[in-house]
Amino acid sequence: MMNMAWRRWMDALAVVAGRLNVKGTAGVASRSGN
């Protein structure tokens, strides 16, 4: 039960981190011009 909750939590974090990472890299790329 704990393992399933942990996997769900990590998946949620991965999704959020992925969205933030995409937005962050896009923002940095547009700012730096790379």
PDB file of N, CA and C in Angstrom:
ATOM      1  N   MET A   1       0.851  -1.202   0.000  1.00  0.00           N
ATOM      2  CA  MET A   1       0.000   0.000   0.000  1.00  0.00           C
ATOM      3  C   MET A   1       0.887   1.252   0.000  1.00  0.00           C
ATOM      4  N   MET A   2       1.927   1.230   0.811  1.00  0.00           N
ATOM      5  CA  MET A   2       2.822   2.386   0.881  1.00  0.00           C
ATOM      6  C   MET A   2       3.538   2.563  -0.460  1.00  0.00           C
ATOM      7  N   ASN A   3       3.922   1.433  -1.073  1.00  0.00           N
ATOM      8  CA  ASN A   3       4.650   1.494  -2.324  1.00  0.00           C
ATOM      9  C   ASN A   3       3.799   2.133  -3.418  1.00  0.00           C
ATOM     10  N   MET A   4       2.529   1.771  -3.478  1.00  0.00           N
ATOM     11  CA  MET A   4       1.642   2.340  -4.495  1.00  0.00           C
ATOM     12  C   MET A   4       1.483   3.845  -4.284  1.00  0.00           C
ATOM     13  N   ALA A   5       1.327   4.248  -3.033  1.00  0.00           N
ATOM     14  CA  ALA A   5       1.180   5.678  -2.733  1.00  0.00           C
ATOM     15  C   ALA A   5       2.456   6.413  -3.122  1.00  0.00           C
ATOM     16  N   TRP A   6       3.595   5.799  -2.840  1.00  0.00           N
ATOM     17  CA  TRP A   6       4.889   6.417  -3.169  1.00  0.00           C
ATOM     18  C   TRP A   6       5.018   6.579  -4.683  1.00  0.00           C
ATOM     19  N   ARG A   7       4.630   5.527  -5.421  1.00  0.00           N
ATOM     20  CA  ARG A   7       4.722   5.600  -6.887  1.00  0.00           C
ATOM     21  C   ARG A   7       3.811   6.701  -7.423  1.00  0.00           C
ATOM     22  N   ARG A   8       2.616   6.790  -6.866  1.00  0.00           N
ATOM     23  CA  ARG A   8       1.674   7.827  -7.318  1.00  0.00           C
ATOM     24  C   ARG A   8       2.239   9.208  -7.029  1.00  0.00           C
ATOM     25  N   TRP A   9       2.820   9.376  -5.839  1.00  0.00           N
ATOM     26  CA  TRP A   9       3.396  10.667  -5.440  1.00  0.00           C
ATOM     27  C   TRP A   9       4.550  11.019  -6.362  1.00  0.00           C
ATOM     28  N   MET A  10       5.416  10.057  -6.651  1.00  0.00           N
ATOM     29  CA  MET A  10       6.562  10.308  -7.524  1.00  0.00           C
ATOM     30  C   MET A  10       6.093  10.617  -8.948  1.00  0.00           C
ATOM     31  N   ASP A  11       5.065   9.922  -9.403  1.00  0.00           N
ATOM     32  CA  ASP A  11       4.529  10.190 -10.736  1.00  0.00           C
ATOM     33  C   ASP A  11       3.982  11.604 -10.807  1.00  0.00           C
ATOM     34  N   ALA A  12       3.258  12.014  -9.770  1.00  0.00           N
ATOM     35  CA  ALA A  12       2.692  13.372  -9.743  1.00  0.00           C
ATOM     36  C   ALA A  12       3.826  14.395  -9.752  1.00  0.00           C
ATOM     37  N   LEU A  13       4.860  14.144  -8.962  1.00  0.00           N
ATOM     38  CA  LEU A  13       6.003  15.070  -8.912  1.00  0.00           C
ATOM     39  C   LEU A  13       6.692  15.114 -10.272  1.00  0.00           C
ATOM     40  N   ALA A  14       6.820  13.963 -10.907  1.00  0.00           N
ATOM     41  CA  ALA A  14       7.472  13.902 -12.215  1.00  0.00           C
ATOM     42  C   ALA A  14       6.691  14.706 -13.241  1.00  0.00           C
ATOM     43  N   VAL A  15       5.372  14.607 -13.200  1.00  0.00           N
ATOM     44  CA  VAL A  15       4.532  15.354 -14.140  1.00  0.00           C
ATOM     45  C   VAL A  15       4.681  16.853 -13.917  1.00  0.00           C
ATOM     46  N   VAL A  16       4.590  17.266 -12.655  1.00  0.00           N
ATOM     47  CA  VAL A  16       4.718  18.689 -12.327  1.00  0.00           C
ATOM     48  C   VAL A  16       6.116  19.190 -12.672  1.00  0.00           C
ATOM     49  N   ALA A  17       7.121  18.406 -12.299  1.00  0.00           N
ATOM     50  CA  ALA A  17       8.510  18.798 -12.582  1.00  0.00           C
ATOM     51  C   ALA A  17       8.728  18.868 -14.085  1.00  0.00           C
ATOM     52  N   GLY A  18       8.134  17.942 -14.827  1.00  0.00           N
ATOM     53  CA  GLY A  18       8.271  17.955 -16.284  1.00  0.00           C
ATOM     54  C   GLY A  18       7.664  19.214 -16.872  1.00  0.00           C
ATOM     55  N   ARG A  19       6.499  19.606 -16.395  1.00  0.00           N
ATOM     56  CA  ARG A  19       5.861  20.832 -16.907  1.00  0.00           C
ATOM     57  C   ARG A  19       6.701  22.049 -16.574  1.00  0.00           C
ATOM     58  N   LEU A  20       7.174  22.117 -15.332  1.00  0.00           N
ATOM     59  CA  LEU A  20       7.997  23.259 -14.920  1.00  0.00           C
ATOM     60  C   LEU A  20       9.302  23.259 -15.703  1.00  0.00           C
ATOM     61  N   ASN A  21       9.867  22.087 -15.935  1.00  0.00           N
ATOM     62  CA  ASN A  21      11.129  21.976 -16.653  1.00  0.00           C
ATOM     63  C   ASN A  21      10.950  22.454 -18.090  1.00  0.00           C
ATOM     64  N   VAL A  22       9.847  22.053 -18.724  1.00  0.00           N
ATOM     65  CA  VAL A  22       9.581  22.474 -20.100  1.00  0.00           C
ATOM     66  C   VAL A  22       9.423  23.987 -20.159  1.00  0.00           C
ATOM     67  N   LYS A  23       8.642  24.536 -19.231  1.00  0.00           N
ATOM     68  CA  LYS A  23       8.438  25.988 -19.202  1.00  0.00           C
ATOM     69  C   LYS A  23       9.747  26.698 -18.891  1.00  0.00           C
ATOM     70  N   GLY A  24      10.512  26.160 -17.938  1.00  0.00           N
ATOM     71  CA  GLY A  24      11.770  26.778 -17.531  1.00  0.00           C
ATOM     72  C   GLY A  24      12.776  26.787 -18.670  1.00  0.00           C
ATOM     73  N   THR A  25      12.939  25.633 -19.321  1.00  0.00           N
ATOM     74  CA  THR A  25      13.916  25.550 -20.405  1.00  0.00           C
ATOM     75  C   THR A  25      13.482  26.429 -21.570  1.00  0.00           C
ATOM     76  N   ALA A  26      12.187  26.482 -21.832  1.00  0.00           N
ATOM     77  CA  ALA A  26      11.692  27.322 -22.925  1.00  0.00           C
ATOM     78  C   ALA A  26      11.957  28.787 -22.611  1.00  0.00           C
ATOM     79  N   GLY A  27      11.739  29.172 -21.359  1.00  0.00           N
ATOM     80  CA  GLY A  27      11.968  30.560 -20.957  1.00  0.00           C
ATOM     81  C   GLY A  27      13.441  30.911 -21.034  1.00  0.00           C
ATOM     82  N   VAL A  28      14.294  30.019 -20.563  1.00  0.00           N
ATOM     83  CA  VAL A  28      15.737  30.273 -20.597  1.00  0.00           C
ATOM     84  C   VAL A  28      16.222  30.323 -22.045  1.00  0.00           C
ATOM     85  N   ALA A  29      15.729  29.414 -22.867  1.00  0.00           N
ATOM     86  CA  ALA A  29      16.163  29.363 -24.264  1.00  0.00           C
ATOM     87  C   ALA A  29      15.767  30.645 -24.988  1.00  0.00           C
ATOM     88  N   SER A  30      14.554  31.109 -24.736  1.00  0.00           N
ATOM     89  CA  SER A  30      14.095  32.326 -25.412  1.00  0.00           C
ATOM     90  C   SER A  30      14.861  33.548 -24.913  1.00  0.00           C
ATOM     91  N   ARG A  31      15.242  33.533 -23.636  1.00  0.00           N
ATOM     92  CA  ARG A  31      15.972  34.668 -23.071  1.00  0.00           C
ATOM     93  C   ARG A  31      17.425  34.686 -23.544  1.00  0.00           C
ATOM     94  N   SER A  32      18.064  33.513 -23.537  1.00  0.00           N
ATOM     95  CA  SER A  32      19.484  33.444 -23.894  1.00  0.00           C
ATOM     96  C   SER A  32      19.662  33.445 -25.408  1.00  0.00           C
ATOM     97  N   GLY A  33      18.609  33.060 -26.129  1.00  0.00           N
ATOM     98  CA  GLY A  33      18.688  33.053 -27.585  1.00  0.00           C
ATOM     99  C   GLY A  33      19.272  31.765 -28.136  1.00  0.00           C
ATOM    100  N   ASN A  34      19.435  30.756 -27.278  1.00  0.00           N
ATOM    101  CA  ASN A  34      19.965  29.475 -27.763  1.00  0.00           C
ATOM    102  C   ASN A  34      18.830  28.694 -28.395  1.00  0.00           C
TER     103      ASN A  34
END
